[in-house]
Amino acid sequence: MATVNDNSVTSDSSSDIDLHMSFEISSFEEEHEEHQQDIVPYRFEPEATDLSESDGSSEDEVDDQHRLENTDWCNCGSCTPMPTALESKCCSEIPQIVEKIESYSDDLTCITRHPGFQTVCLDVFVLETAYYQYRSQYGDIQNSMNERNRYTAYRQLARWCWGYLGKSVRVPLPSCAVTKIRETFSSEEYHGYQDPE
């Protein structure tokens, strides 16, 4: 019978065996430590620019003003003038929507002509089911049926093209899609795109 006392084992034969452990660093660990010194965080990240250097006449602002009260920026032929430059985007300018269009056909020119758009964003039975999911997470929308369907259709379009965005993450939708959804589920008043607060 053997007994364990501290770091030794005693057996009936009265011979003592010392047990001890030694730890040595392997050559792999030594090399790993040497390479860790070479790691420079954020080495490949672009440097931040100082926003205060801007004089307010950037190319984007000029382009934004050009987008108001016209549809010269539209490439699909279905867009309408929108109240803000942020909302004045064609489906052909948004990579996630272009990807959805091209996944169906290279000849398709507008997301509103995609057969999935009719099903996902305009079918009242699909919107009703999507609304039940929304209601279970966030509660009722106390609006008219058309307003509820319109809001749900916007959410459906975002989910269909972007996937999951995350809580309070919003994206401007293309003018052509917004126009088609508004024509289908009309109302006397529209709110337009609003950044989360």
Protein backbone atom coordinates (compact mmCIF):
# COMPACT_ATOMS: atom_id res chain seq x y z
CA MET A 1 0.00 0.00 0.00
CA ALA A 2 1.34 3.44 -0.90
CA THR A 3 0.72 6.75 0.87
CA VAL A 4 1.29 10.23 -0.42
CA ASN A 5 3.05 12.72 1.85
CA ASP A 6 3.81 16.15 0.45
CA ASN A 7 5.89 15.54 -2.66
CA SER A 8 6.93 11.98 -1.99
CA VAL A 9 5.32 8.60 -2.25
CA THR A 10 6.02 5.95 0.38
CA SER A 11 5.48 2.32 -0.40
CA ASP A 12 5.55 -0.77 1.80
CA SER A 13 9.05 -1.57 0.51
CA SER A 14 10.35 1.50 2.34
CA SER A 15 11.89 3.04 -0.74
CA ASP A 16 11.23 6.71 -1.21
CA ILE A 17 10.51 8.10 -4.63
CA ASP A 18 10.51 11.85 -5.00
CA LEU A 19 8.07 13.21 -7.48
CA HIS A 20 8.77 16.60 -8.92
CA MET A 21 7.82 18.41 -12.07
CA SER A 22 9.88 20.75 -14.11
CA PHE A 23 8.59 23.15 -16.72
CA GLU A 24 10.67 24.20 -19.62
CA ILE A 25 9.80 26.56 -22.45
CA SER A 26 9.72 24.79 -25.76
CA SER A 27 11.38 26.22 -28.84
CA PHE A 28 7.90 26.94 -30.27
CA GLU A 29 7.04 29.13 -27.29
CA GLU A 30 10.35 30.98 -27.57
CA GLU A 31 9.70 31.72 -31.25
CA HIS A 32 6.14 32.77 -30.44
CA GLU A 33 7.38 35.27 -27.84
CA GLU A 34 9.88 36.70 -30.33
CA HIS A 35 7.15 37.21 -32.95
CA GLN A 36 4.78 38.83 -30.47
CA GLN A 37 7.19 41.73 -30.22
CA ASP A 38 6.72 42.30 -33.98
CA ILE A 39 2.95 42.74 -33.65
CA VAL A 40 1.85 46.34 -34.06
CA PRO A 41 -1.86 46.90 -33.36
CA TYR A 42 -3.89 48.82 -35.95
CA ARG A 43 -0.95 48.77 -38.38
CA PHE A 44 -3.18 48.28 -41.42
CA GLU A 45 -6.07 50.52 -40.35
CA PRO A 46 -6.52 53.83 -42.18
CA GLU A 47 -5.57 56.89 -40.22
CA ALA A 48 -8.38 59.09 -38.98
CA THR A 49 -8.87 62.40 -40.69
CA ASP A 50 -9.49 65.63 -38.88
CA LEU A 51 -13.05 66.66 -39.66
CA SER A 52 -12.36 70.24 -38.65
CA GLU A 53 -10.18 70.66 -41.77
CA SER A 54 -13.26 70.45 -43.97
CA ASP A 55 -14.47 73.82 -45.23
CA GLY A 56 -18.04 72.61 -45.76
CA SER A 57 -17.82 72.47 -49.55
CA SER A 58 -16.99 68.79 -49.94
CA GLU A 59 -17.80 66.88 -53.08
CA ASP A 60 -20.47 64.88 -51.20
CA GLU A 61 -22.37 68.02 -50.20
CA VAL A 62 -22.36 69.30 -53.77
CA ASP A 63 -23.58 65.90 -54.97
CA ASP A 64 -26.25 65.89 -52.26
CA GLN A 65 -27.67 69.21 -53.44
CA HIS A 66 -27.69 67.91 -57.01
CA ARG A 67 -29.96 65.04 -55.92
CA LEU A 68 -32.81 67.23 -54.65
CA GLU A 69 -35.94 67.95 -56.72
CA ASN A 70 -34.91 65.69 -59.63
CA THR A 71 -34.14 62.10 -60.53
CA ASP A 72 -30.98 62.62 -62.59
CA TRP A 73 -29.23 60.22 -60.19
CA CYS A 74 -31.66 57.36 -60.96
CA ASN A 75 -30.38 54.51 -63.12
CA CYS A 76 -33.35 52.14 -62.85
CA GLY A 77 -36.08 54.46 -64.15
CA SER A 78 -38.39 53.91 -61.17
CA CYS A 79 -37.16 56.49 -58.65
CA THR A 80 -39.04 59.64 -57.70
CA PRO A 81 -37.72 62.87 -56.14
CA MET A 82 -37.35 62.53 -52.38
CA PRO A 83 -37.32 65.28 -49.71
CA THR A 84 -33.69 64.71 -48.63
CA ALA A 85 -30.47 63.80 -50.42
CA LEU A 86 -30.00 60.81 -48.11
CA GLU A 87 -33.29 59.34 -49.35
CA SER A 88 -32.46 60.18 -52.97
CA LYS A 89 -30.66 56.94 -53.75
CA CYS A 90 -31.29 54.53 -56.59
CA CYS A 91 -31.27 50.79 -55.98
CA SER A 92 -28.31 50.59 -58.38
CA GLU A 93 -26.22 52.67 -55.92
CA ILE A 94 -26.64 50.41 -52.90
CA PRO A 95 -24.30 47.38 -52.96
CA GLN A 96 -26.57 45.10 -50.89
CA ILE A 97 -29.48 45.71 -53.24
CA VAL A 98 -27.34 45.37 -56.37
CA GLU A 99 -26.18 42.01 -55.02
CA LYS A 100 -29.81 40.92 -54.55
CA ILE A 101 -30.72 42.06 -58.08
CA GLU A 102 -27.72 40.31 -59.66
CA SER A 103 -28.38 37.09 -57.73
CA TYR A 104 -31.57 36.76 -59.77
CA SER A 105 -30.61 38.16 -63.17
CA ASP A 106 -27.99 40.37 -64.77
CA ASP A 107 -30.71 41.85 -67.00
CA LEU A 108 -32.87 43.09 -64.12
CA THR A 109 -32.62 46.88 -63.75
CA CYS A 110 -34.62 47.61 -60.57
CA ILE A 111 -35.23 45.89 -57.25
CA THR A 112 -38.97 46.57 -57.63
CA ARG A 113 -38.99 44.32 -60.71
CA HIS A 114 -37.39 41.43 -58.83
CA PRO A 115 -40.03 38.70 -58.30
CA GLY A 116 -38.97 38.44 -54.65
CA PHE A 117 -39.81 42.09 -54.01
CA GLN A 118 -43.50 41.46 -54.73
CA THR A 119 -43.55 38.48 -52.38
CA VAL A 120 -41.34 39.76 -49.56
CA CYS A 121 -42.40 43.43 -49.48
CA LEU A 122 -45.87 43.74 -51.02
CA ASP A 123 -47.72 40.50 -50.25
CA VAL A 124 -50.17 41.32 -47.44
CA PHE A 125 -50.08 37.77 -46.05
CA VAL A 126 -46.29 37.79 -45.78
CA LEU A 127 -46.42 41.25 -44.20
CA GLU A 128 -49.04 40.09 -41.72
CA THR A 129 -46.81 37.20 -40.64
CA ALA A 130 -43.73 39.46 -40.43
CA TYR A 131 -45.74 41.93 -38.36
CA TYR A 132 -46.64 39.19 -35.85
CA GLN A 133 -42.92 38.57 -35.37
CA TYR A 134 -42.31 42.29 -34.91
CA ARG A 135 -45.23 42.58 -32.46
CA SER A 136 -43.94 39.70 -30.34
CA GLN A 137 -40.62 41.52 -29.90
CA TYR A 138 -41.59 45.20 -29.79
CA GLY A 139 -45.34 45.48 -29.25
CA ASP A 140 -48.23 46.74 -31.36
CA ILE A 141 -48.00 49.53 -33.92
CA GLN A 142 -51.02 51.73 -33.25
CA ASN A 143 -51.56 52.93 -36.82
CA SER A 144 -53.81 52.21 -39.77
CA MET A 145 -53.43 48.93 -41.64
CA ASN A 146 -51.69 50.67 -44.56
CA GLU A 147 -49.19 52.39 -42.25
CA ARG A 148 -48.49 49.11 -40.48
CA ASN A 149 -48.01 47.27 -43.79
CA ARG A 150 -45.79 50.04 -45.13
CA TYR A 151 -43.58 50.02 -42.04
CA THR A 152 -43.37 46.22 -42.11
CA ALA A 153 -42.55 46.27 -45.85
CA TYR A 154 -39.63 48.64 -45.20
CA ARG A 155 -38.35 46.28 -42.49
CA GLN A 156 -38.82 43.30 -44.82
CA LEU A 157 -36.78 44.97 -47.57
CA ALA A 158 -33.95 45.71 -45.14
CA ARG A 159 -34.00 42.15 -43.77
CA TRP A 160 -34.14 40.66 -47.28
CA CYS A 161 -31.19 42.66 -48.63
CA TRP A 162 -29.03 43.36 -45.56
CA GLY A 163 -29.90 40.43 -43.32
CA TYR A 164 -29.83 41.22 -39.61
CA LEU A 165 -28.81 44.83 -38.97
CA GLY A 166 -28.94 44.96 -35.20
CA LYS A 167 -30.95 46.97 -32.72
CA SER A 168 -31.46 50.63 -33.71
CA VAL A 169 -29.41 50.24 -36.90
CA ARG A 170 -31.17 51.84 -39.84
CA VAL A 171 -30.29 52.17 -43.50
CA PRO A 172 -31.79 54.49 -46.12
CA LEU A 173 -33.84 52.49 -48.62
CA PRO A 174 -33.79 53.25 -52.35
CA SER A 175 -36.30 55.74 -53.68
CA CYS A 176 -37.77 53.25 -56.17
CA ALA A 177 -38.59 50.71 -53.44
CA VAL A 178 -39.98 53.34 -51.06
CA THR A 179 -42.13 54.75 -53.87
CA LYS A 180 -43.51 51.31 -54.81
CA ILE A 181 -44.31 50.48 -51.17
CA ARG A 182 -45.98 53.89 -50.68
CA GLU A 183 -48.07 53.41 -53.84
CA THR A 184 -49.20 49.98 -52.61
CA PHE A 185 -49.90 51.04 -49.01
CA SER A 186 -50.80 54.70 -49.42
CA SER A 187 -51.38 57.23 -46.69
CA GLU A 188 -51.96 60.96 -46.42
CA GLU A 189 -48.70 61.49 -44.50
CA TYR A 190 -45.21 60.02 -44.82
CA HIS A 191 -42.33 60.39 -42.39
CA GLY A 192 -39.32 59.47 -44.52
CA TYR A 193 -35.94 58.24 -43.29
CA GLN A 194 -34.98 59.19 -39.73
CA ASP A 195 -31.63 58.48 -38.09
CA PRO A 196 -31.87 56.63 -34.77
CA GLU A 197 -31.48 58.97 -31.82
